[in-house]
Amino acid sequence: VGWTPFGAPWTAGIDLAQGRVWAAPLKLLITAVTIVALLAWWSRSL
């Protein structure tokens, strides 16, 4: 779940704290891309 957009933003800091440094930026990137995609979808349906 932490690698899906539902859990990625909330678990990024926990991953860094538990030594998975490489996972934190990837999860933040997943979240940012999802937000952009949702706004683009909103723009098309607006």
All heavy atoms as atom14 arrays in JSON, in Angstrom:
{
  "sequence": "VGWTPFGAPWTAGIDLAQGRVWAAPLKLLITAVTIVALLAWWSRSL",
  "atom14_mask": [
    [1, 1, 1, 1, 1, 1, 1, 0, 0, 0, 0, 0, 0, 0],
    [1, 1, 1, 1, 0, 0, 0, 0, 0, 0, 0, 0, 0, 0],
    [1, 1, 1, 1, 1, 1, 1, 1, 1, 1, 1, 1, 1, 1],
    [1, 1, 1, 1, 1, 1, 1, 0, 0, 0, 0, 0, 0, 0],
    [1, 1, 1, 1, 1, 1, 1, 0, 0, 0, 0, 0, 0, 0],
    [1, 1, 1, 1, 1, 1, 1, 1, 1, 1, 1, 0, 0, 0],
    [1, 1, 1, 1, 0, 0, 0, 0, 0, 0, 0, 0, 0, 0],
    [1, 1, 1, 1, 1, 0, 0, 0, 0, 0, 0, 0, 0, 0],
    [1, 1, 1, 1, 1, 1, 1, 0, 0, 0, 0, 0, 0, 0],
    [1, 1, 1, 1, 1, 1, 1, 1, 1, 1, 1, 1, 1, 1],
    [1, 1, 1, 1, 1, 1, 1, 0, 0, 0, 0, 0, 0, 0],
    [1, 1, 1, 1, 1, 0, 0, 0, 0, 0, 0, 0, 0, 0],
    [1, 1, 1, 1, 0, 0, 0, 0, 0, 0, 0, 0, 0, 0],
    [1, 1, 1, 1, 1, 1, 1, 1, 0, 0, 0, 0, 0, 0],
    [1, 1, 1, 1, 1, 1, 1, 1, 0, 0, 0, 0, 0, 0],
    [1, 1, 1, 1, 1, 1, 1, 1, 0, 0, 0, 0, 0, 0],
    [1, 1, 1, 1, 1, 0, 0, 0, 0, 0, 0, 0, 0, 0],
    [1, 1, 1, 1, 1, 1, 1, 1, 1, 0, 0, 0, 0, 0],
    [1, 1, 1, 1, 0, 0, 0, 0, 0, 0, 0, 0, 0, 0],
    [1, 1, 1, 1, 1, 1, 1, 1, 1, 1, 1, 0, 0, 0],
    [1, 1, 1, 1, 1, 1, 1, 0, 0, 0, 0, 0, 0, 0],
    [1, 1, 1, 1, 1, 1, 1, 1, 1, 1, 1, 1, 1, 1],
    [1, 1, 1, 1, 1, 0, 0, 0, 0, 0, 0, 0, 0, 0],
    [1, 1, 1, 1, 1, 0, 0, 0, 0, 0, 0, 0, 0, 0],
    [1, 1, 1, 1, 1, 1, 1, 0, 0, 0, 0, 0, 0, 0],
    [1, 1, 1, 1, 1, 1, 1, 1, 0, 0, 0, 0, 0, 0],
    [1, 1, 1, 1, 1, 1, 1, 1, 1, 0, 0, 0, 0, 0],
    [1, 1, 1, 1, 1, 1, 1, 1, 0, 0, 0, 0, 0, 0],
    [1, 1, 1, 1, 1, 1, 1, 1, 0, 0, 0, 0, 0, 0],
    [1, 1, 1, 1, 1, 1, 1, 1, 0, 0, 0, 0, 0, 0],
    [1, 1, 1, 1, 1, 1, 1, 0, 0, 0, 0, 0, 0, 0],
    [1, 1, 1, 1, 1, 0, 0, 0, 0, 0, 0, 0, 0, 0],
    [1, 1, 1, 1, 1, 1, 1, 0, 0, 0, 0, 0, 0, 0],
    [1, 1, 1, 1, 1, 1, 1, 0, 0, 0, 0, 0, 0, 0],
    [1, 1, 1, 1, 1, 1, 1, 1, 0, 0, 0, 0, 0, 0],
    [1, 1, 1, 1, 1, 1, 1, 0, 0, 0, 0, 0, 0, 0],
    [1, 1, 1, 1, 1, 0, 0, 0, 0, 0, 0, 0, 0, 0],
    [1, 1, 1, 1, 1, 1, 1, 1, 0, 0, 0, 0, 0, 0],
    [1, 1, 1, 1, 1, 1, 1, 1, 0, 0, 0, 0, 0, 0],
    [1, 1, 1, 1, 1, 0, 0, 0, 0, 0, 0, 0, 0, 0],
    [1, 1, 1, 1, 1, 1, 1, 1, 1, 1, 1, 1, 1, 1],
    [1, 1, 1, 1, 1, 1, 1, 1, 1, 1, 1, 1, 1, 1],
    [1, 1, 1, 1, 1, 1, 0, 0, 0, 0, 0, 0, 0, 0],
    [1, 1, 1, 1, 1, 1, 1, 1, 1, 1, 1, 0, 0, 0],
    [1, 1, 1, 1, 1, 1, 0, 0, 0, 0, 0, 0, 0, 0],
    [1, 1, 1, 1, 1, 1, 1, 1, 0, 0, 0, 0, 0, 0]
  ],
  "atom14_positions": [
    [[0.83, -1.21, 0.0], [0.0, 0.0, 0.0], [0.87, 1.25, 0.0], [0.51, 2.27, -0.62], [-0.95, -0.02, 1.22], [-1.7, 1.3, 1.34], [-1.93, -1.17, 1.12], [0.0, 0.0, 0.0], [0.0, 0.0, 0.0], [0.0, 0.0, 0.0], [0.0, 0.0, 0.0], [0.0, 0.0, 0.0], [0.0, 0.0, 0.0], [0.0, 0.0, 0.0]],
    [[2.01, 1.19, 0.68], [2.89, 2.34, 0.73], [3.47, 2.73, -0.61], [3.93, 3.87, -0.76], [0.0, 0.0, 0.0], [0.0, 0.0, 0.0], [0.0, 0.0, 0.0], [0.0, 0.0, 0.0], [0.0, 0.0, 0.0], [0.0, 0.0, 0.0], [0.0, 0.0, 0.0], [0.0, 0.0, 0.0], [0.0, 0.0, 0.0], [0.0, 0.0, 0.0]],
    [[3.44, 1.84, -1.58], [3.94, 2.17, -2.92], [2.83, 2.59, -3.87], [3.08, 2.84, -5.05], [4.72, 1.0, -3.5], [6.1, 0.87, -2.93], [6.53, 0.01, -1.98], [7.23, 1.68, -3.27], [7.85, 0.21, -1.69], [8.32, 1.23, -2.48], [7.44, 2.73, -4.15], [9.57, 1.81, -2.56], [8.7, 3.3, -4.23], [9.75, 2.84, -3.44]],
    [[1.63, 2.68, -3.38], [0.52, 3.19, -4.17], [0.31, 4.66, -3.84], [0.78, 5.14, -2.8], [-0.77, 2.41, -3.89], [-1.17, 2.65, -2.52], [-0.55, 0.91, -4.09], [0.0, 0.0, 0.0], [0.0, 0.0, 0.0], [0.0, 0.0, 0.0], [0.0, 0.0, 0.0], [0.0, 0.0, 0.0], [0.0, 0.0, 0.0], [0.0, 0.0, 0.0]],
    [[-0.41, 5.4, -4.68], [-0.68, 6.82, -4.34], [-1.46, 6.98, -3.05], [-1.4, 8.06, -2.44], [-1.5, 7.3, -5.55], [-1.09, 6.41, -6.68], [-0.84, 5.07, -6.06], [0.0, 0.0, 0.0], [0.0, 0.0, 0.0], [0.0, 0.0, 0.0], [0.0, 0.0, 0.0], [0.0, 0.0, 0.0], [0.0, 0.0, 0.0], [0.0, 0.0, 0.0]],
    [[-2.17, 5.93, -2.61], [-2.92, 6.04, -1.36], [-2.0, 6.11, -0.15], [-2.34, 6.76, 0.85], [-3.87, 4.85, -1.21], [-4.99, 4.84, -2.21], [-4.89, 4.1, -3.37], [-6.13, 5.58, -1.98], [-5.91, 4.1, -4.3], [-7.17, 5.59, -2.9], [-7.06, 4.84, -4.07], [0.0, 0.0, 0.0], [0.0, 0.0, 0.0], [0.0, 0.0, 0.0]],
    [[-0.88, 5.44, -0.18], [0.0, 5.4, 0.98], [1.36, 6.01, 0.8], [2.09, 6.2, 1.77], [0.0, 0.0, 0.0], [0.0, 0.0, 0.0], [0.0, 0.0, 0.0], [0.0, 0.0, 0.0], [0.0, 0.0, 0.0], [0.0, 0.0, 0.0], [0.0, 0.0, 0.0], [0.0, 0.0, 0.0], [0.0, 0.0, 0.0], [0.0, 0.0, 0.0]],
    [[1.74, 6.34, -0.44], [3.09, 6.85, -0.71], [3.42, 8.13, 0.05], [4.5, 8.23, 0.65], [3.26, 7.05, -2.22], [0.0, 0.0, 0.0], [0.0, 0.0, 0.0], [0.0, 0.0, 0.0], [0.0, 0.0, 0.0], [0.0, 0.0, 0.0], [0.0, 0.0, 0.0], [0.0, 0.0, 0.0], [0.0, 0.0, 0.0], [0.0, 0.0, 0.0]],
    [[2.56, 9.16, 0.06], [2.97, 10.4, 0.74], [3.12, 10.24, 2.24], [3.92, 10.94, 2.86], [1.82, 11.37, 0.4], [0.66, 10.5, 0.12], [1.23, 9.27, -0.53], [0.0, 0.0, 0.0], [0.0, 0.0, 0.0], [0.0, 0.0, 0.0], [0.0, 0.0, 0.0], [0.0, 0.0, 0.0], [0.0, 0.0, 0.0], [0.0, 0.0, 0.0]],
    [[2.39, 9.32, 2.83], [2.4, 9.19, 4.28], [3.55, 8.32, 4.8], [3.92, 8.41, 5.97], [1.09, 8.6, 4.76], [-0.09, 9.09, 4.0], [-0.82, 8.4, 3.06], [-0.7, 10.39, 4.08], [-1.83, 9.18, 2.57], [-1.78, 10.41, 3.18], [-0.43, 11.53, 4.83], [-2.6, 11.53, 3.0], [-1.24, 12.65, 4.66], [-2.3, 12.64, 3.76]],
    [[4.11, 7.47, 3.95], [5.16, 6.55, 4.39], [6.56, 6.97, 3.97], [7.53, 6.28, 4.31], [4.88, 5.14, 3.82], [4.82, 5.2, 2.39], [3.56, 4.6, 4.34], [0.0, 0.0, 0.0], [0.0, 0.0, 0.0], [0.0, 0.0, 0.0], [0.0, 0.0, 0.0], [0.0, 0.0, 0.0], [0.0, 0.0, 0.0], [0.0, 0.0, 0.0]],
    [[6.69, 8.08, 3.22], [8.02, 8.49, 2.75], [8.95, 8.8, 3.91], [10.12, 8.35, 3.94], [7.89, 9.7, 1.82], [0.0, 0.0, 0.0], [0.0, 0.0, 0.0], [0.0, 0.0, 0.0], [0.0, 0.0, 0.0], [0.0, 0.0, 0.0], [0.0, 0.0, 0.0], [0.0, 0.0, 0.0], [0.0, 0.0, 0.0], [0.0, 0.0, 0.0]],
    [[8.49, 9.55, 4.9], [9.33, 9.88, 6.03], [9.67, 8.67, 6.88], [10.79, 8.57, 7.41], [0.0, 0.0, 0.0], [0.0, 0.0, 0.0], [0.0, 0.0, 0.0], [0.0, 0.0, 0.0], [0.0, 0.0, 0.0], [0.0, 0.0, 0.0], [0.0, 0.0, 0.0], [0.0, 0.0, 0.0], [0.0, 0.0, 0.0], [0.0, 0.0, 0.0]],
    [[8.74, 7.71, 7.0], [9.02, 6.49, 7.77], [10.1, 5.66, 7.08], [10.98, 5.07, 7.73], [7.73, 5.67, 7.94], [6.63, 6.53, 8.59], [7.99, 4.42, 8.76], [6.96, 7.04, 9.96], [0.0, 0.0, 0.0], [0.0, 0.0, 0.0], [0.0, 0.0, 0.0], [0.0, 0.0, 0.0], [0.0, 0.0, 0.0], [0.0, 0.0, 0.0]],
    [[10.04, 5.6, 5.74], [11.07, 4.85, 5.0], [12.45, 5.45, 5.24], [13.44, 4.71, 5.45], [10.75, 4.86, 3.51], [9.66, 3.88, 3.16], [9.55, 2.84, 3.83], [8.88, 4.14, 2.22], [0.0, 0.0, 0.0], [0.0, 0.0, 0.0], [0.0, 0.0, 0.0], [0.0, 0.0, 0.0], [0.0, 0.0, 0.0], [0.0, 0.0, 0.0]],
    [[12.56, 6.76, 5.19], [13.85, 7.4, 5.44], [14.32, 7.13, 6.87], [15.51, 6.85, 7.1], [13.75, 8.89, 5.18], [15.03, 9.7, 5.36], [16.11, 9.23, 4.39], [14.77, 11.2, 5.16], [0.0, 0.0, 0.0], [0.0, 0.0, 0.0], [0.0, 0.0, 0.0], [0.0, 0.0, 0.0], [0.0, 0.0, 0.0], [0.0, 0.0, 0.0]],
    [[13.4, 7.17, 7.83], [13.78, 6.93, 9.22], [14.24, 5.5, 9.45], [15.11, 5.25, 10.3], [12.59, 7.25, 10.13], [0.0, 0.0, 0.0], [0.0, 0.0, 0.0], [0.0, 0.0, 0.0], [0.0, 0.0, 0.0], [0.0, 0.0, 0.0], [0.0, 0.0, 0.0], [0.0, 0.0, 0.0], [0.0, 0.0, 0.0], [0.0, 0.0, 0.0]],
    [[13.72, 4.55, 8.68], [14.08, 3.14, 8.85], [15.21, 2.71, 7.91], [15.46, 1.51, 7.77], [12.85, 2.27, 8.63], [11.78, 2.46, 9.7], [10.56, 1.58, 9.49], [10.39, 0.98, 8.43], [9.71, 1.48, 10.52], [0.0, 0.0, 0.0], [0.0, 0.0, 0.0], [0.0, 0.0, 0.0], [0.0, 0.0, 0.0], [0.0, 0.0, 0.0]],
    [[15.88, 3.67, 7.27], [17.07, 3.35, 6.48], [16.83, 3.14, 5.0], [17.81, 2.91, 4.26], [0.0, 0.0, 0.0], [0.0, 0.0, 0.0], [0.0, 0.0, 0.0], [0.0, 0.0, 0.0], [0.0, 0.0, 0.0], [0.0, 0.0, 0.0], [0.0, 0.0, 0.0], [0.0, 0.0, 0.0], [0.0, 0.0, 0.0], [0.0, 0.0, 0.0]],
    [[15.61, 3.21, 4.52], [15.32, 3.05, 3.09], [15.33, 4.43, 2.44], [14.3, 4.97, 2.02], [13.99, 2.34, 2.89], [13.98, 0.9, 3.42], [12.64, 0.23, 3.17], [11.59, 0.82, 3.97], [11.29, 0.46, 5.21], [12.0, -0.51, 5.82], [10.3, 1.05, 5.87], [0.0, 0.0, 0.0], [0.0, 0.0, 0.0], [0.0, 0.0, 0.0]],
    [[16.55, 4.97, 2.34], [16.7, 6.35, 1.85], [16.24, 6.47, 0.4], [15.61, 7.46, 0.01], [18.17, 6.81, 2.0], [18.35, 8.22, 1.5], [18.61, 6.7, 3.46], [0.0, 0.0, 0.0], [0.0, 0.0, 0.0], [0.0, 0.0, 0.0], [0.0, 0.0, 0.0], [0.0, 0.0, 0.0], [0.0, 0.0, 0.0], [0.0, 0.0, 0.0]],
    [[16.51, 5.48, -0.42], [16.16, 5.53, -1.84], [14.64, 5.56, -2.07], [14.17, 6.04, -3.1], [16.74, 4.31, -2.55], [16.29, 3.0, -1.94], [16.86, 2.34, -0.91], [15.14, 2.24, -2.33], [16.16, 1.21, -0.61], [15.09, 1.12, -1.47], [14.16, 2.39, -3.29], [14.09, 0.15, -1.57], [13.16, 1.44, -3.39], [13.13, 0.33, -2.54]],
    [[13.87, 5.02, -1.1], [12.42, 4.93, -1.3], [11.71, 6.27, -1.1], [10.67, 6.51, -1.72], [11.83, 3.89, -0.34], [0.0, 0.0, 0.0], [0.0, 0.0, 0.0], [0.0, 0.0, 0.0], [0.0, 0.0, 0.0], [0.0, 0.0, 0.0], [0.0, 0.0, 0.0], [0.0, 0.0, 0.0], [0.0, 0.0, 0.0], [0.0, 0.0, 0.0]],
    [[12.27, 7.13, -0.24], [11.58, 8.39, 0.08], [11.37, 9.28, -1.14], [10.23, 9.71, -1.41], [12.35, 9.12, 1.18], [0.0, 0.0, 0.0], [0.0, 0.0, 0.0], [0.0, 0.0, 0.0], [0.0, 0.0, 0.0], [0.0, 0.0, 0.0], [0.0, 0.0, 0.0], [0.0, 0.0, 0.0], [0.0, 0.0, 0.0], [0.0, 0.0, 0.0]],
    [[12.43, 9.59, -1.93], [12.18, 10.47, -3.09], [11.26, 9.82, -4.13], [10.49, 10.53, -4.78], [13.58, 10.71, -3.66], [14.42, 9.6, -3.13], [13.85, 9.26, -1.8], [0.0, 0.0, 0.0], [0.0, 0.0, 0.0], [0.0, 0.0, 0.0], [0.0, 0.0, 0.0], [0.0, 0.0, 0.0], [0.0, 0.0, 0.0], [0.0, 0.0, 0.0]],
    [[11.33, 8.5, -4.28], [10.45, 7.84, -5.25], [8.99, 7.97, -4.84], [8.11, 8.21, -5.69], [10.84, 6.37, -5.39], [12.17, 6.07, -6.08], [12.43, 4.56, -6.12], [12.16, 6.63, -7.49], [0.0, 0.0, 0.0], [0.0, 0.0, 0.0], [0.0, 0.0, 0.0], [0.0, 0.0, 0.0], [0.0, 0.0, 0.0], [0.0, 0.0, 0.0]],
    [[8.69, 7.82, -3.56], [7.31, 7.94, -3.1], [6.81, 9.38, -3.22], [5.64, 9.61, -3.57], [7.19, 7.45, -1.67], [7.37, 5.95, -1.53], [7.06, 5.45, -0.15], [7.11, 3.92, -0.09], [6.74, 3.38, 1.23], [0.0, 0.0, 0.0], [0.0, 0.0, 0.0], [0.0, 0.0, 0.0], [0.0, 0.0, 0.0], [0.0, 0.0, 0.0]],
    [[7.66, 10.35, -2.93], [7.25, 11.74, -3.13], [7.01, 12.03, -4.6], [6.07, 12.77, -4.95], [8.32, 12.68, -2.57], [8.56, 12.63, -1.06], [9.65, 13.63, -0.66], [7.26, 12.92, -0.3], [0.0, 0.0, 0.0], [0.0, 0.0, 0.0], [0.0, 0.0, 0.0], [0.0, 0.0, 0.0], [0.0, 0.0, 0.0], [0.0, 0.0, 0.0]],
    [[7.81, 11.42, -5.47], [7.62, 11.6, -6.91], [6.3, 10.97, -7.36], [5.57, 11.54, -8.18], [8.8, 10.99, -7.67], [8.73, 11.08, -9.21], [8.71, 12.55, -9.64], [9.91, 10.35, -9.84], [0.0, 0.0, 0.0], [0.0, 0.0, 0.0], [0.0, 0.0, 0.0], [0.0, 0.0, 0.0], [0.0, 0.0, 0.0], [0.0, 0.0, 0.0]],
    [[6.0, 9.78, -6.83], [4.72, 9.13, -7.16], [3.55, 10.02, -6.77], [2.58, 10.19, -7.52], [4.63, 7.76, -6.46], [5.62, 6.77, -7.07], [3.21, 7.2, -6.54], [5.7, 5.46, -6.34], [0.0, 0.0, 0.0], [0.0, 0.0, 0.0], [0.0, 0.0, 0.0], [0.0, 0.0, 0.0], [0.0, 0.0, 0.0], [0.0, 0.0, 0.0]],
    [[3.64, 10.61, -5.59], [2.55, 11.48, -5.13], [2.42, 12.72, -6.0], [1.31, 13.11, -6.39], [2.8, 11.9, -3.68], [3.01, 10.73, -2.87], [1.63, 12.68, -3.13], [0.0, 0.0, 0.0], [0.0, 0.0, 0.0], [0.0, 0.0, 0.0], [0.0, 0.0, 0.0], [0.0, 0.0, 0.0], [0.0, 0.0, 0.0], [0.0, 0.0, 0.0]],
    [[3.55, 13.35, -6.32], [3.5, 14.56, -7.14], [2.93, 14.27, -8.53], [2.11, 15.04, -9.06], [4.9, 15.17, -7.25], [0.0, 0.0, 0.0], [0.0, 0.0, 0.0], [0.0, 0.0, 0.0], [0.0, 0.0, 0.0], [0.0, 0.0, 0.0], [0.0, 0.0, 0.0], [0.0, 0.0, 0.0], [0.0, 0.0, 0.0], [0.0, 0.0, 0.0]],
    [[3.37, 13.16, -9.13], [2.84, 12.8, -10.46], [1.35, 12.52, -10.4], [0.58, 12.9, -11.29], [3.61, 11.58, -11.0], [2.95, 11.04, -12.27], [5.06, 11.95, -11.29], [0.0, 0.0, 0.0], [0.0, 0.0, 0.0], [0.0, 0.0, 0.0], [0.0, 0.0, 0.0], [0.0, 0.0, 0.0], [0.0, 0.0, 0.0], [0.0, 0.0, 0.0]],
    [[0.9, 11.88, -9.33], [-0.53, 11.6, -9.17], [-1.33, 12.89, -9.04], [-2.42, 13.02, -9.64], [-0.77, 10.71, -7.94], [0.0, 9.52, -8.05], [-2.23, 10.35, -7.82], [0.0, 0.0, 0.0], [0.0, 0.0, 0.0], [0.0, 0.0, 0.0], [0.0, 0.0, 0.0], [0.0, 0.0, 0.0], [0.0, 0.0, 0.0], [0.0, 0.0, 0.0]],
    [[-0.81, 13.85, -8.29], [-1.5, 15.13, -8.15], [-1.61, 15.84, -9.49], [-2.68, 16.37, -9.86], [-0.78, 16.01, -7.11], [-0.87, 15.38, -5.72], [-1.38, 17.42, -7.09], [-0.06, 16.11, -4.66], [0.0, 0.0, 0.0], [0.0, 0.0, 0.0], [0.0, 0.0, 0.0], [0.0, 0.0, 0.0], [0.0, 0.0, 0.0], [0.0, 0.0, 0.0]],
    [[-0.52, 15.85, -10.23], [-0.53, 16.48, -11.56], [-1.52, 15.79, -12.48], [-2.28, 16.43, -13.22], [0.88, 16.48, -12.16], [0.84, 16.98, -13.61], [1.82, 17.35, -11.34], [0.0, 0.0, 0.0], [0.0, 0.0, 0.0], [0.0, 0.0, 0.0], [0.0, 0.0, 0.0], [0.0, 0.0, 0.0], [0.0, 0.0, 0.0], [0.0, 0.0, 0.0]],
    [[-1.55, 14.45, -12.43], [-2.49, 13.71, -13.27], [-3.93, 14.0, -12.89], [-4.81, 14.15, -13.76], [-2.2, 12.21, -13.18], [0.0, 0.0, 0.0], [0.0, 0.0, 0.0], [0.0, 0.0, 0.0], [0.0, 0.0, 0.0], [0.0, 0.0, 0.0], [0.0, 0.0, 0.0], [0.0, 0.0, 0.0], [0.0, 0.0, 0.0], [0.0, 0.0, 0.0]],
    [[-4.2, 14.09, -11.58], [-5.56, 14.41, -11.14], [-5.97, 15.81, -11.56], [-7.12, 16.03, -11.99], [-5.65, 14.26, -9.62], [-5.62, 12.83, -9.07], [-5.52, 12.85, -7.55], [-6.86, 12.05, -9.5], [0.0, 0.0, 0.0], [0.0, 0.0, 0.0], [0.0, 0.0, 0.0], [0.0, 0.0, 0.0], [0.0, 0.0, 0.0], [0.0, 0.0, 0.0]],
    [[-5.06, 16.77, -11.45], [-5.39, 18.13, -11.87], [-5.6, 18.2, -13.38], [-6.47, 18.95, -13.86], [-4.28, 19.09, -11.44], [-4.13, 19.31, -9.93], [-2.98, 20.26, -9.64], [-5.42, 19.85, -9.33], [0.0, 0.0, 0.0], [0.0, 0.0, 0.0], [0.0, 0.0, 0.0], [0.0, 0.0, 0.0], [0.0, 0.0, 0.0], [0.0, 0.0, 0.0]],
    [[-4.82, 17.43, -14.13], [-5.03, 17.38, -15.58], [-6.38, 16.76, -15.91], [-7.09, 17.22, -16.82], [-3.9, 16.59, -16.24], [0.0, 0.0, 0.0], [0.0, 0.0, 0.0], [0.0, 0.0, 0.0], [0.0, 0.0, 0.0], [0.0, 0.0, 0.0], [0.0, 0.0, 0.0], [0.0, 0.0, 0.0], [0.0, 0.0, 0.0], [0.0, 0.0, 0.0]],
    [[-6.74, 15.71, -15.19], [-8.06, 15.09, -15.39], [-9.17, 16.08, -15.04], [-10.18, 16.2, -15.75], [-8.15, 13.84, -14.52], [-9.43, 13.08, -14.66], [-10.26, 13.03, -15.75], [-10.04, 12.26, -13.65], [-11.34, 12.24, -15.49], [-11.24, 11.76, -14.21], [-9.68, 11.91, -12.35], [-12.09, 10.91, -13.5], [-10.52, 11.06, -11.64], [-11.71, 10.57, -12.22]],
    [[-8.98, 16.77, -13.93], [-9.95, 17.79, -13.53], [-10.06, 18.87, -14.61], [-11.15, 19.34, -14.94], [-9.52, 18.38, -12.2], [-10.5, 19.34, -11.6], [-11.82, 19.51, -11.96], [-10.26, 20.26, -10.54], [-12.4, 20.47, -11.19], [-11.47, 20.95, -10.3], [-9.15, 20.55, -9.76], [-11.59, 21.93, -9.32], [-9.27, 21.51, -8.77], [-10.46, 22.19, -8.56]],
    [[-8.93, 19.28, -15.16], [-8.94, 20.31, -16.19], [-9.73, 19.88, -17.42], [-10.47, 20.66, -18.01], [-7.5, 20.66, -16.58], [-7.47, 21.59, -17.63], [0.0, 0.0, 0.0], [0.0, 0.0, 0.0], [0.0, 0.0, 0.0], [0.0, 0.0, 0.0], [0.0, 0.0, 0.0], [0.0, 0.0, 0.0], [0.0, 0.0, 0.0], [0.0, 0.0, 0.0]],
    [[-9.58, 18.62, -17.79], [-10.3, 18.12, -18.98], [-11.8, 18.01, -18.73], [-12.61, 18.22, -19.63], [-9.74, 16.76, -19.39], [-8.36, 16.84, -20.02], [-7.89, 15.47, -20.46], [-6.63, 15.54, -21.18], [-6.53, 15.76, -22.49], [-7.63, 15.93, -23.21], [-5.36, 15.82, -23.08], [0.0, 0.0, 0.0], [0.0, 0.0, 0.0], [0.0, 0.0, 0.0]],
    [[-12.18, 17.62, -17.51], [-13.59, 17.44, -17.21], [-14.26, 18.72, -16.73], [-15.48, 18.75, -16.56], [-13.76, 16.36, -16.14], [-13.09, 16.73, -14.95], [0.0, 0.0, 0.0], [0.0, 0.0, 0.0], [0.0, 0.0, 0.0], [0.0, 0.0, 0.0], [0.0, 0.0, 0.0], [0.0, 0.0, 0.0], [0.0, 0.0, 0.0], [0.0, 0.0, 0.0]],
    [[-13.47, 19.77, -16.52], [-14.03, 21.01, -15.98], [-15.0, 21.66, -16.95], [-16.0, 22.27, -16.55], [-12.9, 21.98, -15.63], [-13.27, 23.17, -14.74], [-13.83, 22.7, -13.42], [-12.06, 24.06, -14.52], [0.0, 0.0, 0.0], [0.0, 0.0, 0.0], [0.0, 0.0, 0.0], [0.0, 0.0, 0.0], [0.0, 0.0, 0.0], [0.0, 0.0, 0.0]]
  ]
}
